[in-house]
């Protein structure tokens, strides 16, 4: 999983609009989008293109190898979002 969305995410979906791999969720047309506290990157679909990094207005997207230690749980949080949706 090359990129991870952290807790600073404001769910404005700027990253969703630029993602060529369609790996960020929830999307604006998904049920529950309006209630989403943040967006998540699917670790199995991310192609490491960095488009989401520059699109994020609050710098909430991190390269997994450069994440601050205080956000070490967020790779798992992002992955769990997608694991739960596939049940």
PDB file of N, CA and C in Angstrom:
ATOM      1  N   UNK A   1       0.854  -1.171   0.000  1.00  0.00           N
ATOM      2  CA  UNK A   1       0.000   0.000   0.000  1.00  0.00           C
ATOM      3  C   UNK A   1       0.903   1.238   0.000  1.00  0.00           C
ATOM      4  N   UNK A   2       1.088   1.826  -1.119  1.00  0.00           N
ATOM      5  CA  UNK A   2       1.999   2.966  -1.199  1.00  0.00           C
ATOM      6  C   UNK A   2       1.483   4.225  -0.518  1.00  0.00           C
ATOM      7  N   UNK A   3       0.184   4.496  -0.529  1.00  0.00           N
ATOM      8  CA  UNK A   3      -0.351   5.722   0.064  1.00  0.00           C
ATOM      9  C   UNK A   3      -1.461   5.410   1.048  1.00  0.00           C
ATOM     10  N   UNK A   4      -1.570   6.284   2.062  1.00  0.00           N
ATOM     11  CA  UNK A   4      -2.520   6.122   3.152  1.00  0.00           C
ATOM     12  C   UNK A   4      -3.159   7.474   3.421  1.00  0.00           C
ATOM     13  N   UNK A   5      -4.443   7.475   3.714  1.00  0.00           N
ATOM     14  CA  UNK A   5      -5.120   8.710   4.108  1.00  0.00           C
ATOM     15  C   UNK A   5      -5.206   8.730   5.623  1.00  0.00           C
ATOM     16  N   UNK A   6      -4.770   9.840   6.194  1.00  0.00           N
ATOM     17  CA  UNK A   6      -4.734   9.994   7.650  1.00  0.00           C
ATOM     18  C   UNK A   6      -5.929  10.752   8.191  1.00  0.00           C
ATOM     19  N   UNK A   7      -5.894  11.042   9.488  1.00  0.00           N
ATOM     20  CA  UNK A   7      -7.037  11.631  10.178  1.00  0.00           C
ATOM     21  C   UNK A   7      -7.338  13.087   9.816  1.00  0.00           C
ATOM     22  N   UNK A   8      -6.436  13.761   9.147  1.00  0.00           N
ATOM     23  CA  UNK A   8      -6.693  15.157   8.763  1.00  0.00           C
ATOM     24  C   UNK A   8      -7.666  15.257   7.586  1.00  0.00           C
ATOM     25  N   UNK A   9      -8.017  14.133   6.988  1.00  0.00           N
ATOM     26  CA  UNK A   9      -8.914  14.108   5.825  1.00  0.00           C
ATOM     27  C   UNK A   9     -10.237  14.801   6.144  1.00  0.00           C
ATOM     28  N   UNK A  10     -10.677  15.633   5.220  1.00  0.00           N
ATOM     29  CA  UNK A  10     -11.953  16.337   5.380  1.00  0.00           C
ATOM     30  C   UNK A  10     -13.024  15.786   4.439  1.00  0.00           C
ATOM     31  N   UNK A  11     -12.716  14.684   3.754  1.00  0.00           N
ATOM     32  CA  UNK A  11     -13.656  13.989   2.869  1.00  0.00           C
ATOM     33  C   UNK A  11     -14.274  14.913   1.823  1.00  0.00           C
ATOM     34  N   UNK A  12     -13.452  15.743   1.215  1.00  0.00           N
ATOM     35  CA  UNK A  12     -13.980  16.640   0.177  1.00  0.00           C
ATOM     36  C   UNK A  12     -13.931  15.994  -1.213  1.00  0.00           C
ATOM     37  N   UNK A  13     -13.367  14.857  -1.330  1.00  0.00           N
ATOM     38  CA  UNK A  13     -13.231  14.004  -2.501  1.00  0.00           C
ATOM     39  C   UNK A  13     -12.402  14.582  -3.646  1.00  0.00           C
ATOM     40  N   UNK A  14     -11.540  15.540  -3.376  1.00  0.00           N
ATOM     41  CA  UNK A  14     -10.600  16.027  -4.396  1.00  0.00           C
ATOM     42  C   UNK A  14      -9.712  14.882  -4.885  1.00  0.00           C
ATOM     43  N   UNK A  15      -9.294  14.038  -3.966  1.00  0.00           N
ATOM     44  CA  UNK A  15      -8.429  12.913  -4.326  1.00  0.00           C
ATOM     45  C   UNK A  15      -9.175  11.888  -5.181  1.00  0.00           C
ATOM     46  N   UNK A  16     -10.438  11.699  -4.894  1.00  0.00           N
ATOM     47  CA  UNK A  16     -11.246  10.746  -5.660  1.00  0.00           C
ATOM     48  C   UNK A  16     -11.307  11.159  -7.127  1.00  0.00           C
ATOM     49  N   UNK A  17     -11.453  12.453  -7.365  1.00  0.00           N
ATOM     50  CA  UNK A  17     -11.577  12.964  -8.728  1.00  0.00           C
ATOM     51  C   UNK A  17     -10.329  12.732  -9.569  1.00  0.00           C
ATOM     52  N   UNK A  18      -9.147  12.684  -8.955  1.00  0.00           N
ATOM     53  CA  UNK A  18      -7.911  12.547  -9.722  1.00  0.00           C
ATOM     54  C   UNK A  18      -7.340  11.129  -9.726  1.00  0.00           C
ATOM     55  N   UNK A  19      -7.894  10.242  -8.958  1.00  0.00           N
ATOM     56  CA  UNK A  19      -7.341   8.885  -8.836  1.00  0.00           C
ATOM     57  C   UNK A  19      -7.630   8.044 -10.084  1.00  0.00           C
ATOM     58  N   UNK A  20      -6.584   7.656 -10.832  1.00  0.00           N
ATOM     59  CA  UNK A  20      -6.799   6.854 -12.033  1.00  0.00           C
ATOM     60  C   UNK A  20      -7.113   5.388 -11.741  1.00  0.00           C
ATOM     61  N   UNK A  21      -6.858   4.953 -10.514  1.00  0.00           N
ATOM     62  CA  UNK A  21      -7.079   3.553 -10.147  1.00  0.00           C
ATOM     63  C   UNK A  21      -8.416   3.326  -9.452  1.00  0.00           C
ATOM     64  N   UNK A  22      -9.165   4.395  -9.207  1.00  0.00           N
ATOM     65  CA  UNK A  22     -10.468   4.292  -8.547  1.00  0.00           C
ATOM     66  C   UNK A  22     -10.346   3.509  -7.240  1.00  0.00           C
ATOM     67  N   UNK A  23      -9.331   3.871  -6.445  1.00  0.00           N
ATOM     68  CA  UNK A  23      -9.061   3.103  -5.223  1.00  0.00           C
ATOM     69  C   UNK A  23      -9.377   3.857  -3.940  1.00  0.00           C
ATOM     70  N   UNK A  24     -10.048   5.008  -4.035  1.00  0.00           N
ATOM     71  CA  UNK A  24     -10.361   5.794  -2.849  1.00  0.00           C
ATOM     72  C   UNK A  24     -11.865   5.734  -2.585  1.00  0.00           C
ATOM     73  N   UNK A  25     -12.201   5.517  -1.321  1.00  0.00           N
ATOM     74  CA  UNK A  25     -13.597   5.316  -0.952  1.00  0.00           C
ATOM     75  C   UNK A  25     -13.858   5.949   0.403  1.00  0.00           C
ATOM     76  N   UNK A  26     -15.081   6.304   0.723  1.00  0.00           N
ATOM     77  CA  UNK A  26     -16.265   6.210  -0.120  1.00  0.00           C
ATOM     78  C   UNK A  26     -16.293   7.320  -1.174  1.00  0.00           C
ATOM     79  N   UNK A  27     -16.933   7.009  -2.269  1.00  0.00           N
ATOM     80  CA  UNK A  27     -17.099   7.957  -3.370  1.00  0.00           C
ATOM     81  C   UNK A  27     -18.368   8.774  -3.118  1.00  0.00           C
ATOM     82  N   UNK A  28     -18.483   9.931  -3.737  1.00  0.00           N
ATOM     83  CA  UNK A  28     -19.659  10.778  -3.505  1.00  0.00           C
ATOM     84  C   UNK A  28     -21.000  10.095  -3.773  1.00  0.00           C
ATOM     85  N   UNK A  29     -21.021   9.100  -4.670  1.00  0.00           N
ATOM     86  CA  UNK A  29     -22.280   8.422  -4.967  1.00  0.00           C
ATOM     87  C   UNK A  29     -22.492   7.150  -4.127  1.00  0.00           C
ATOM     88  N   UNK A  30     -21.568   6.856  -3.207  1.00  0.00           N
ATOM     89  CA  UNK A  30     -21.707   5.691  -2.326  1.00  0.00           C
ATOM     90  C   UNK A  30     -22.660   6.007  -1.172  1.00  0.00           C
ATOM     91  N   UNK A  31     -23.421   5.015  -0.738  1.00  0.00           N
ATOM     92  CA  UNK A  31     -24.260   5.225   0.442  1.00  0.00           C
ATOM     93  C   UNK A  31     -23.380   5.586   1.642  1.00  0.00           C
ATOM     94  N   UNK A  32     -23.797   6.544   2.387  1.00  0.00           N
ATOM     95  CA  UNK A  32     -23.057   6.929   3.571  1.00  0.00           C
ATOM     96  C   UNK A  32     -21.934   7.927   3.352  1.00  0.00           C
ATOM     97  N   UNK A  33     -21.746   8.384   2.119  1.00  0.00           N
ATOM     98  CA  UNK A  33     -20.662   9.331   1.857  1.00  0.00           C
ATOM     99  C   UNK A  33     -20.801  10.592   2.698  1.00  0.00           C
ATOM    100  N   UNK A  34     -22.007  11.110   2.785  1.00  0.00           N
ATOM    101  CA  UNK A  34     -22.224  12.357   3.529  1.00  0.00           C
ATOM    102  C   UNK A  34     -21.851  12.218   5.000  1.00  0.00           C
ATOM    103  N   UNK A  35     -21.942  11.027   5.533  1.00  0.00           N
ATOM    104  CA  UNK A  35     -21.628  10.803   6.943  1.00  0.00           C
ATOM    105  C   UNK A  35     -20.164  10.401   7.159  1.00  0.00           C
ATOM    106  N   UNK A  36     -19.417  10.198   6.085  1.00  0.00           N
ATOM    107  CA  UNK A  36     -18.023   9.744   6.206  1.00  0.00           C
ATOM    108  C   UNK A  36     -17.162  10.782   6.910  1.00  0.00           C
ATOM    109  N   UNK A  37     -16.404  10.332   7.873  1.00  0.00           N
ATOM    110  CA  UNK A  37     -15.490  11.220   8.580  1.00  0.00           C
ATOM    111  C   UNK A  37     -14.197  11.406   7.804  1.00  0.00           C
ATOM    112  N   UNK A  38     -13.854  10.434   6.978  1.00  0.00           N
ATOM    113  CA  UNK A  38     -12.661  10.523   6.151  1.00  0.00           C
ATOM    114  C   UNK A  38     -12.785   9.550   4.992  1.00  0.00           C
ATOM    115  N   UNK A  39     -11.843   9.646   4.059  1.00  0.00           N
ATOM    116  CA  UNK A  39     -11.772   8.728   2.935  1.00  0.00           C
ATOM    117  C   UNK A  39     -10.643   7.740   3.190  1.00  0.00           C
ATOM    118  N   UNK A  40     -10.602   6.665   2.398  1.00  0.00           N
ATOM    119  CA  UNK A  40      -9.622   5.598   2.590  1.00  0.00           C
ATOM    120  C   UNK A  40      -9.069   5.164   1.243  1.00  0.00           C
ATOM    121  N   UNK A  41      -7.829   4.681   1.233  1.00  0.00           N
ATOM    122  CA  UNK A  41      -7.195   4.169   0.019  1.00  0.00           C
ATOM    123  C   UNK A  41      -7.135   2.651   0.116  1.00  0.00           C
ATOM    124  N   UNK A  42      -7.618   1.985  -0.925  1.00  0.00           N
ATOM    125  CA  UNK A  42      -7.593   0.524  -0.992  1.00  0.00           C
ATOM    126  C   UNK A  42      -6.159   0.074  -1.283  1.00  0.00           C
ATOM    127  N   UNK A  43      -5.533  -0.661  -0.369  1.00  0.00           N
ATOM    128  CA  UNK A  43      -4.143  -1.059  -0.558  1.00  0.00           C
ATOM    129  C   UNK A  43      -3.921  -2.033  -1.711  1.00  0.00           C
ATOM    130  N   UNK A  44      -4.967  -2.723  -2.129  1.00  0.00           N
ATOM    131  CA  UNK A  44      -4.810  -3.687  -3.217  1.00  0.00           C
ATOM    132  C   UNK A  44      -4.984  -3.050  -4.593  1.00  0.00           C
ATOM    133  N   UNK A  45      -5.508  -1.837  -4.645  1.00  0.00           N
ATOM    134  CA  UNK A  45      -5.769  -1.182  -5.927  1.00  0.00           C
ATOM    135  C   UNK A  45      -4.890   0.035  -6.194  1.00  0.00           C
ATOM    136  N   UNK A  46      -4.270   0.595  -5.161  1.00  0.00           N
ATOM    137  CA  UNK A  46      -3.440   1.790  -5.318  1.00  0.00           C
ATOM    138  C   UNK A  46      -2.252   1.473  -6.233  1.00  0.00           C
ATOM    139  N   UNK A  47      -2.015   2.350  -7.208  1.00  0.00           N
ATOM    140  CA  UNK A  47      -0.931   2.129  -8.172  1.00  0.00           C
ATOM    141  C   UNK A  47       0.267   3.044  -7.924  1.00  0.00           C
ATOM    142  N   UNK A  48       0.306   3.711  -6.788  1.00  0.00           N
ATOM    143  CA  UNK A  48       1.450   4.519  -6.393  1.00  0.00           C
ATOM    144  C   UNK A  48       1.711   5.680  -7.365  1.00  0.00           C
ATOM    145  N   UNK A  49       0.656   6.321  -7.820  1.00  0.00           N
ATOM    146  CA  UNK A  49       0.802   7.383  -8.826  1.00  0.00           C
ATOM    147  C   UNK A  49       1.014   8.773  -8.226  1.00  0.00           C
ATOM    148  N   UNK A  50       0.700   8.943  -6.964  1.00  0.00           N
ATOM    149  CA  UNK A  50       0.841  10.203  -6.229  1.00  0.00           C
ATOM    150  C   UNK A  50      -0.182  11.281  -6.593  1.00  0.00           C
ATOM    151  N   UNK A  51      -1.129  11.012  -7.448  1.00  0.00           N
ATOM    152  CA  UNK A  51      -2.115  12.030  -7.841  1.00  0.00           C
ATOM    153  C   UNK A  51      -2.897  12.535  -6.636  1.00  0.00           C
ATOM    154  N   UNK A  52      -3.201  11.668  -5.711  1.00  0.00           N
ATOM    155  CA  UNK A  52      -3.979  12.056  -4.526  1.00  0.00           C
ATOM    156  C   UNK A  52      -3.207  12.993  -3.606  1.00  0.00           C
ATOM    157  N   UNK A  53      -1.903  12.861  -3.585  1.00  0.00           N
ATOM    158  CA  UNK A  53      -1.084  13.677  -2.683  1.00  0.00           C
ATOM    159  C   UNK A  53      -1.232  15.159  -3.012  1.00  0.00           C
ATOM    160  N   UNK A  54      -1.062  15.513  -4.261  1.00  0.00           N
ATOM    161  CA  UNK A  54      -1.143  16.925  -4.635  1.00  0.00           C
ATOM    162  C   UNK A  54      -2.585  17.434  -4.663  1.00  0.00           C
ATOM    163  N   UNK A  55      -3.552  16.549  -4.809  1.00  0.00           N
ATOM    164  CA  UNK A  55      -4.958  16.960  -4.853  1.00  0.00           C
ATOM    165  C   UNK A  55      -5.531  17.249  -3.468  1.00  0.00           C
ATOM    166  N   UNK A  56      -4.951  16.687  -2.441  1.00  0.00           N
ATOM    167  CA  UNK A  56      -5.490  16.833  -1.087  1.00  0.00           C
ATOM    168  C   UNK A  56      -5.254  18.250  -0.562  1.00  0.00           C
ATOM    169  N   UNK A  57      -6.344  18.956  -0.224  1.00  0.00           N
ATOM    170  CA  UNK A  57      -6.199  20.336   0.253  1.00  0.00           C
ATOM    171  C   UNK A  57      -5.682  20.459   1.687  1.00  0.00           C
ATOM    172  N   UNK A  58      -5.657  19.361   2.428  1.00  0.00           N
ATOM    173  CA  UNK A  58      -5.230  19.421   3.824  1.00  0.00           C
ATOM    174  C   UNK A  58      -4.019  18.534   4.130  1.00  0.00           C
ATOM    175  N   UNK A  59      -3.365  18.053   3.092  1.00  0.00           N
ATOM    176  CA  UNK A  59      -2.172  17.215   3.236  1.00  0.00           C
ATOM    177  C   UNK A  59      -2.409  16.008   4.145  1.00  0.00           C
ATOM    178  N   UNK A  60      -3.488  15.292   3.872  1.00  0.00           N
ATOM    179  CA  UNK A  60      -3.843  14.122   4.676  1.00  0.00           C
ATOM    180  C   UNK A  60      -3.380  12.814   4.064  1.00  0.00           C
ATOM    181  N   UNK A  61      -2.742  12.861   2.883  1.00  0.00           N
ATOM    182  CA  UNK A  61      -2.315  11.643   2.206  1.00  0.00           C
ATOM    183  C   UNK A  61      -0.803  11.472   2.399  1.00  0.00           C
ATOM    184  N   UNK A  62      -0.420  10.275   2.811  1.00  0.00           N
ATOM    185  CA  UNK A  62       0.982   9.996   3.119  1.00  0.00           C
ATOM    186  C   UNK A  62       1.502   8.798   2.340  1.00  0.00           C
ATOM    187  N   UNK A  63       2.762   8.887   1.937  1.00  0.00           N
ATOM    188  CA  UNK A  63       3.494   7.726   1.453  1.00  0.00           C
ATOM    189  C   UNK A  63       3.712   6.850   2.687  1.00  0.00           C
ATOM    190  N   UNK A  64       3.392   5.597   2.590  1.00  0.00           N
ATOM    191  CA  UNK A  64       3.463   4.719   3.762  1.00  0.00           C
ATOM    192  C   UNK A  64       4.865   4.668   4.357  1.00  0.00           C
ATOM    193  N   UNK A  65       5.877   4.869   3.547  1.00  0.00           N
ATOM    194  CA  UNK A  65       7.250   4.811   4.059  1.00  0.00           C
ATOM    195  C   UNK A  65       7.673   6.105   4.749  1.00  0.00           C
ATOM    196  N   UNK A  66       6.851   7.144   4.628  1.00  0.00           N
ATOM    197  CA  UNK A  66       7.194   8.437   5.228  1.00  0.00           C
ATOM    198  C   UNK A  66       6.127   8.938   6.204  1.00  0.00           C
ATOM    199  N   UNK A  67       5.324   8.047   6.706  1.00  0.00           N
ATOM    200  CA  UNK A  67       4.262   8.440   7.632  1.00  0.00           C
ATOM    201  C   UNK A  67       4.831   8.810   8.991  1.00  0.00           C
ATOM    202  N   UNK A  68       4.269   9.835   9.620  1.00  0.00           N
ATOM    203  CA  UNK A  68       4.676  10.159  10.984  1.00  0.00           C
ATOM    204  C   UNK A  68       4.347   8.988  11.923  1.00  0.00           C
ATOM    205  N   UNK A  69       5.182   8.780  12.903  1.00  0.00           N
ATOM    206  CA  UNK A  69       4.987   7.674  13.853  1.00  0.00           C
ATOM    207  C   UNK A  69       3.622   7.736  14.529  1.00  0.00           C
ATOM    208  N   UNK A  70       3.126   8.935  14.784  1.00  0.00           N
ATOM    209  CA  UNK A  70       1.841   9.060  15.475  1.00  0.00           C
ATOM    210  C   UNK A  70       0.665   8.552  14.634  1.00  0.00           C
ATOM    211  N   UNK A  71       0.899   8.314  13.340  1.00  0.00           N
ATOM    212  CA  UNK A  71      -0.161   7.809  12.453  1.00  0.00           C
ATOM    213  C   UNK A  71       0.067   6.350  12.053  1.00  0.00           C
ATOM    214  N   UNK A  72       0.854   5.635  12.806  1.00  0.00           N
ATOM    215  CA  UNK A  72       1.236   4.274  12.423  1.00  0.00           C
ATOM    216  C   UNK A  72       0.061   3.304  12.289  1.00  0.00           C
ATOM    217  N   UNK A  73      -1.087   3.632  12.874  1.00  0.00           N
ATOM    218  CA  UNK A  73      -2.252   2.752  12.773  1.00  0.00           C
ATOM    219  C   UNK A  73      -3.046   2.962  11.481  1.00  0.00           C
ATOM    220  N   UNK A  74      -2.782   4.020  10.760  1.00  0.00           N
ATOM    221  CA  UNK A  74      -3.611   4.358   9.608  1.00  0.00           C
ATOM    222  C   UNK A  74      -3.478   3.442   8.394  1.00  0.00           C
ATOM    223  N   UNK A  75      -2.333   2.812   8.140  1.00  0.00           N
ATOM    224  CA  UNK A  75      -2.328   1.816   7.055  1.00  0.00           C
ATOM    225  C   UNK A  75      -3.351   0.704   7.317  1.00  0.00           C
ATOM    226  N   UNK A  76      -3.416   0.250   8.569  1.00  0.00           N
ATOM    227  CA  UNK A  76      -4.371  -0.797   8.937  1.00  0.00           C
ATOM    228  C   UNK A  76      -5.807  -0.274   8.886  1.00  0.00           C
ATOM    229  N   UNK A  77      -6.026   0.944   9.337  1.00  0.00           N
ATOM    230  CA  UNK A  77      -7.364   1.541   9.305  1.00  0.00           C
ATOM    231  C   UNK A  77      -7.869   1.641   7.865  1.00  0.00           C
ATOM    232  N   UNK A  78      -7.009   2.072   6.952  1.00  0.00           N
ATOM    233  CA  UNK A  78      -7.395   2.154   5.539  1.00  0.00           C
ATOM    234  C   UNK A  78      -7.715   0.770   4.992  1.00  0.00           C
ATOM    235  N   UNK A  79      -6.856  -0.206   5.263  1.00  0.00           N
ATOM    236  CA  UNK A  79      -7.079  -1.572   4.768  1.00  0.00           C
ATOM    237  C   UNK A  79      -8.356  -2.179   5.337  1.00  0.00           C
ATOM    238  N   UNK A  80      -8.622  -1.947   6.610  1.00  0.00           N
ATOM    239  CA  UNK A  80      -9.815  -2.510   7.242  1.00  0.00           C
ATOM    240  C   UNK A  80     -11.102  -1.952   6.647  1.00  0.00           C
ATOM    241  N   UNK A  81     -11.079  -0.718   6.194  1.00  0.00           N
ATOM    242  CA  UNK A  81     -12.267  -0.146   5.559  1.00  0.00           C
ATOM    243  C   UNK A  81     -12.694  -1.008   4.365  1.00  0.00           C
ATOM    244  N   UNK A  82     -11.741  -1.465   3.597  1.00  0.00           N
ATOM    245  CA  UNK A  82     -12.055  -2.258   2.404  1.00  0.00           C
ATOM    246  C   UNK A  82     -12.297  -3.720   2.738  1.00  0.00           C
ATOM    247  N   UNK A  83     -11.650  -4.238   3.735  1.00  0.00           N
ATOM    248  CA  UNK A  83     -11.876  -5.639   4.139  1.00  0.00           C
ATOM    249  C   UNK A  83     -13.311  -5.804   4.615  1.00  0.00           C
ATOM    250  N   UNK A  84     -13.826  -4.843   5.362  1.00  0.00           N
ATOM    251  CA  UNK A  84     -15.187  -4.910   5.857  1.00  0.00           C
ATOM    252  C   UNK A  84     -16.229  -4.766   4.772  1.00  0.00           C
ATOM    253  N   UNK A  85     -15.903  -4.020   3.701  1.00  0.00           N
ATOM    254  CA  UNK A  85     -16.878  -3.811   2.631  1.00  0.00           C
ATOM    255  C   UNK A  85     -16.968  -4.998   1.690  1.00  0.00           C
ATOM    256  N   UNK A  86     -16.040  -5.954   1.814  1.00  0.00           N
ATOM    257  CA  UNK A  86     -16.057  -7.099   0.920  1.00  0.00           C
ATOM    258  C   UNK A  86     -16.690  -8.316   1.553  1.00  0.00           C
ATOM    259  N   UNK A  87     -17.187  -8.165   2.776  1.00  0.00           N
ATOM    260  CA  UNK A  87     -17.825  -9.303   3.452  1.00  0.00           C
ATOM    261  C   UNK A  87     -19.207  -9.541   2.941  1.00  0.00           C
TER     262      UNK A  87
END
